[in-house]
Amino acid sequence: MESFCKFALNSFGGVVSNIGIAANNPTWYLCVLLICYILYWLMIWFAEKQKITPFYFFVLGMFIGIGIGSFGINLPFFNGSTARGYIGFFWGIILNYFLSSELSKSKIKALSFFVLSLCIAAWLIDADELYDNFSMILVYLIYPSIIIMMLTSKILNWLFNRKIFGILGRISYEMYLWHSPIMAIFAVLIYLINYHPNYTYCSMILFTVLVFIVSVWMYYRIEIPITKWINKEVSR
């Protein structure tokens, strides 16, 4: 009952303190994403009402996330769980602003390549000294540079625009959502039969294949029919 109440209160998304076992990343992701979307639409609504650009509010949201992490704040909606979401969510929106701007793709691509090259050089020279905050370097420099280079590359765009990659991408989201529940089911079964498995690379591969099969079934038999039904109801 306690776990149910905490989930209902969005606790794993940072509303109240998290004491217990969450469903790994999916629970955190869904809860924090919901909070970020609510803030996003509130920012847009307020900006339209005041007739100003919401861009400044998005920047503010990102810096709030940075401040929460930097000062170790642990309050409802202002703690480590939500801070990661605020940083990633609003930094992504800010990046989209730049990608949608009038700057040429060649300049953005060149800048991303330059930043990525500097990060690699810094890591090779002295990783411990220069990468004292590796997670933030990944979020603000390395990941965006890789993403921008992929988005602005004609070859990579041609490759990843193939239908198969779109299907695999949608199925991978199902894998992200369902790998933890499947792990929990296995843990319960192993406990009930008092079995002590020997975890190997082979067992990891077999588990991944199982999760992939379940995800394919969930995508085609659950997600697609529900999506079609929702679209049909909305279009009425």
Protein backbone atom coordinates (compact mmCIF):
# COMPACT_ATOMS: atom_id res chain seq x y z
CA MET A 1 0.00 0.00 0.00
CA GLU A 2 2.84 2.40 0.83
CA SER A 3 4.48 1.83 -2.56
CA PHE A 4 1.16 2.36 -4.34
CA CYS A 5 0.52 5.61 -2.48
CA LYS A 6 4.00 6.90 -3.28
CA PHE A 7 3.56 6.08 -6.96
CA ALA A 8 0.14 7.75 -7.00
CA LEU A 9 1.69 10.84 -5.45
CA ASN A 10 4.33 10.89 -8.18
CA SER A 11 7.01 10.37 -5.54
CA PHE A 12 9.53 8.81 -7.88
CA GLY A 13 9.29 11.98 -9.92
CA GLY A 14 10.41 14.04 -6.96
CA VAL A 15 7.20 15.29 -5.38
CA VAL A 16 7.81 13.59 -2.02
CA SER A 17 10.82 11.74 -0.69
CA ASN A 18 11.48 8.38 -2.34
CA ILE A 19 11.83 5.54 0.17
CA GLY A 20 11.65 2.14 -1.47
CA ILE A 21 12.11 0.47 -4.82
CA ALA A 22 11.04 2.27 -7.97
CA ALA A 23 10.47 0.61 -11.31
CA ASN A 24 13.93 1.78 -12.33
CA ASN A 25 14.24 4.43 -15.04
CA PRO A 26 10.74 4.26 -16.59
CA THR A 27 9.00 5.31 -13.38
CA TRP A 28 11.31 8.28 -12.90
CA TYR A 29 11.12 9.20 -16.58
CA LEU A 30 7.34 9.17 -16.83
CA CYS A 31 6.80 11.04 -13.57
CA VAL A 32 9.36 13.77 -14.23
CA LEU A 33 8.33 14.09 -17.87
CA LEU A 34 4.75 14.75 -16.74
CA ILE A 35 5.98 17.51 -14.40
CA CYS A 36 8.14 19.04 -17.16
CA TYR A 37 5.25 19.07 -19.65
CA ILE A 38 2.98 20.78 -17.13
CA LEU A 39 5.64 23.44 -16.54
CA TYR A 40 6.21 23.74 -20.30
CA TRP A 41 2.58 24.50 -21.07
CA LEU A 42 2.31 26.86 -18.11
CA MET A 43 5.36 28.76 -19.39
CA ILE A 44 3.87 29.02 -22.88
CA TRP A 45 0.50 30.12 -21.49
CA PHE A 46 2.07 32.81 -19.29
CA ALA A 47 4.37 34.00 -22.10
CA GLU A 48 1.44 34.35 -24.50
CA LYS A 49 -0.54 36.19 -21.88
CA GLN A 50 2.35 38.61 -21.29
CA LYS A 51 3.14 38.73 -25.05
CA ILE A 52 6.78 37.76 -24.58
CA THR A 53 8.89 34.90 -25.87
CA PRO A 54 8.83 31.74 -23.71
CA PHE A 55 12.51 31.15 -24.51
CA TYR A 56 13.60 32.99 -21.35
CA PHE A 57 11.39 30.77 -19.21
CA PHE A 58 12.94 27.68 -20.77
CA VAL A 59 16.40 29.02 -19.89
CA LEU A 60 15.16 29.73 -16.37
CA GLY A 61 13.86 26.15 -16.08
CA MET A 62 17.25 24.77 -17.07
CA PHE A 63 19.09 26.98 -14.56
CA ILE A 64 16.64 26.00 -11.83
CA GLY A 65 17.63 22.39 -12.46
CA ILE A 66 21.32 23.32 -12.28
CA GLY A 67 20.78 25.25 -9.06
CA ILE A 68 18.91 22.40 -7.40
CA GLY A 69 21.79 20.04 -8.10
CA SER A 70 24.51 22.52 -7.23
CA PHE A 71 23.04 23.49 -3.85
CA GLY A 72 21.69 20.05 -2.96
CA ILE A 73 18.10 21.25 -2.55
CA ASN A 74 15.71 18.50 -1.46
CA LEU A 75 12.14 19.84 -1.52
CA PRO A 76 8.96 18.74 -3.29
CA PHE A 77 9.45 19.44 -7.03
CA PHE A 78 12.93 20.79 -6.23
CA ASN A 79 15.24 17.83 -5.65
CA GLY A 80 17.73 15.61 -7.40
CA SER A 81 15.07 13.60 -9.23
CA THR A 82 13.38 16.59 -10.82
CA ALA A 83 16.63 18.53 -11.36
CA ARG A 84 17.87 15.98 -13.90
CA GLY A 85 14.57 16.25 -15.73
CA TYR A 86 14.53 20.06 -15.76
CA ILE A 87 18.07 20.21 -17.12
CA GLY A 88 17.57 17.65 -19.87
CA PHE A 89 14.05 18.74 -20.88
CA PHE A 90 14.64 22.49 -21.12
CA TRP A 91 18.16 22.17 -22.51
CA GLY A 92 16.64 20.08 -25.32
CA ILE A 93 14.09 22.82 -26.05
CA ILE A 94 16.84 25.45 -26.09
CA LEU A 95 18.89 23.36 -28.51
CA ASN A 96 15.86 23.06 -30.76
CA TYR A 97 15.64 26.84 -30.84
CA PHE A 98 19.19 27.04 -32.18
CA LEU A 99 18.63 24.24 -34.69
CA SER A 100 15.51 26.05 -35.93
CA SER A 101 17.25 29.41 -36.15
CA GLU A 102 18.67 31.09 -39.23
CA LEU A 103 22.18 29.84 -38.52
CA SER A 104 23.41 27.65 -41.35
CA LYS A 105 23.58 23.94 -40.69
CA SER A 106 27.20 23.88 -41.84
CA LYS A 107 28.21 26.38 -39.12
CA ILE A 108 26.29 24.49 -36.43
CA LYS A 109 27.82 21.21 -37.59
CA ALA A 110 31.34 22.70 -37.61
CA LEU A 111 30.86 24.14 -34.11
CA SER A 112 29.61 20.78 -32.82
CA PHE A 113 32.56 18.98 -34.37
CA PHE A 114 34.94 21.52 -32.80
CA VAL A 115 33.36 21.12 -29.34
CA LEU A 116 33.41 17.34 -29.58
CA SER A 117 37.06 17.37 -30.68
CA LEU A 118 37.99 19.58 -27.71
CA CYS A 119 36.19 17.23 -25.31
CA ILE A 120 38.02 14.21 -26.70
CA ALA A 121 41.36 16.05 -26.53
CA ALA A 122 40.68 17.10 -22.92
CA TRP A 123 39.86 13.52 -21.98
CA LEU A 124 43.07 12.24 -23.59
CA ILE A 125 45.23 14.89 -21.92
CA ASP A 126 43.96 14.65 -18.34
CA ALA A 127 40.56 13.05 -17.83
CA ASP A 128 40.55 13.32 -14.02
CA GLU A 129 41.44 17.00 -13.96
CA LEU A 130 39.31 18.27 -16.82
CA TYR A 131 36.33 15.94 -16.41
CA ASP A 132 35.58 16.64 -12.76
CA ASN A 133 31.85 16.89 -13.58
CA PHE A 134 31.52 14.31 -16.32
CA SER A 135 27.71 14.08 -16.26
CA MET A 136 27.31 17.78 -17.02
CA ILE A 137 29.95 17.64 -19.75
CA LEU A 138 27.99 14.81 -21.33
CA VAL A 139 24.68 16.68 -21.08
CA TYR A 140 25.84 20.12 -22.25
CA LEU A 141 28.68 19.35 -24.65
CA ILE A 142 29.17 15.77 -25.82
CA TYR A 143 25.59 14.53 -26.30
CA PRO A 144 24.36 17.74 -28.01
CA SER A 145 27.38 17.77 -30.32
CA ILE A 146 26.79 14.17 -31.38
CA ILE A 147 23.06 14.75 -31.88
CA ILE A 148 23.59 17.92 -33.92
CA MET A 149 26.21 16.25 -36.11
CA MET A 150 23.84 13.36 -36.75
CA LEU A 151 20.92 15.67 -37.56
CA THR A 152 22.98 17.77 -39.96
CA SER A 153 24.71 14.86 -41.69
CA LYS A 154 23.19 13.92 -45.07
CA ILE A 155 24.60 10.41 -44.89
CA LEU A 156 23.34 9.73 -41.36
CA ASN A 157 19.97 11.31 -42.18
CA TRP A 158 19.61 9.05 -45.19
CA LEU A 159 20.61 6.00 -43.14
CA PHE A 160 18.43 6.61 -40.09
CA ASN A 161 15.43 7.74 -42.11
CA ARG A 162 15.01 4.15 -43.27
CA LYS A 163 11.74 2.62 -42.12
CA ILE A 164 13.49 -0.16 -40.19
CA PHE A 165 15.22 2.33 -37.90
CA GLY A 166 11.90 4.05 -37.17
CA ILE A 167 10.36 0.73 -36.19
CA LEU A 168 13.36 -0.24 -34.05
CA GLY A 169 13.25 3.17 -32.39
CA ARG A 170 9.59 2.76 -31.41
CA ILE A 171 10.20 -0.78 -30.18
CA SER A 172 13.21 0.40 -28.17
CA TYR A 173 10.89 2.66 -26.19
CA GLU A 174 8.76 -0.36 -25.33
CA MET A 175 11.95 -2.12 -24.20
CA TYR A 176 12.79 0.87 -22.03
CA LEU A 177 9.37 0.70 -20.38
CA TRP A 178 9.10 -3.05 -19.94
CA HIS A 179 12.60 -4.27 -19.10
CA SER A 180 12.18 -3.41 -15.41
CA PRO A 181 8.75 -5.07 -14.92
CA ILE A 182 10.08 -8.20 -16.65
CA MET A 183 13.12 -8.17 -14.37
CA ALA A 184 10.80 -7.84 -11.36
CA ILE A 185 8.69 -10.80 -12.54
CA PHE A 186 11.82 -12.91 -12.94
CA ALA A 187 13.02 -11.88 -9.47
CA VAL A 188 9.71 -12.99 -7.94
CA LEU A 189 9.74 -16.32 -9.82
CA ILE A 190 13.34 -17.01 -8.82
CA TYR A 191 12.48 -16.27 -5.19
CA LEU A 192 9.40 -18.51 -5.25
CA ILE A 193 11.21 -21.52 -6.66
CA ASN A 194 14.31 -20.81 -4.53
CA TYR A 195 16.59 -20.80 -7.56
CA HIS A 196 20.03 -19.19 -7.53
CA PRO A 197 20.91 -18.33 -11.13
CA ASN A 198 24.41 -17.91 -12.45
CA TYR A 199 24.33 -14.64 -14.34
CA THR A 200 26.49 -14.71 -17.46
CA TYR A 201 26.78 -12.77 -20.70
CA CYS A 202 24.75 -15.51 -22.35
CA SER A 203 21.90 -15.08 -19.86
CA MET A 204 22.00 -11.31 -20.42
CA ILE A 205 21.70 -11.80 -24.18
CA LEU A 206 18.82 -14.25 -23.73
CA PHE A 207 17.05 -11.80 -21.43
CA THR A 208 17.53 -9.00 -23.98
CA VAL A 209 16.04 -11.20 -26.72
CA LEU A 210 13.08 -11.97 -24.46
CA VAL A 211 12.52 -8.29 -23.70
CA PHE A 212 12.73 -7.50 -27.42
CA ILE A 213 10.09 -10.13 -28.25
CA VAL A 214 7.77 -8.87 -25.51
CA SER A 215 8.32 -5.28 -26.68
CA VAL A 216 7.50 -6.15 -30.30
CA TRP A 217 4.26 -7.81 -29.16
CA MET A 218 3.37 -4.87 -26.91
CA TYR A 219 4.02 -2.39 -29.70
CA TYR A 220 1.98 -4.11 -32.40
CA ARG A 221 -0.78 -5.62 -30.26
CA ILE A 222 -1.23 -2.94 -27.59
CA GLU A 223 0.29 0.43 -28.47
CA ILE A 224 -0.71 0.66 -32.15
CA PRO A 225 -4.37 -0.38 -31.57
CA ILE A 226 -4.70 2.05 -28.63
CA THR A 227 -3.11 4.85 -30.67
CA LYS A 228 -5.48 4.22 -33.59
CA TRP A 229 -8.46 4.21 -31.22
CA ILE A 230 -7.38 7.49 -29.62
CA ASN A 231 -6.83 9.15 -33.00
CA LYS A 232 -10.23 7.92 -34.15
CA GLU A 233 -11.93 9.35 -31.04
CA VAL A 234 -10.11 12.67 -31.34
CA SER A 235 -11.02 13.06 -35.03
CA ARG A 236 -14.74 12.67 -34.31
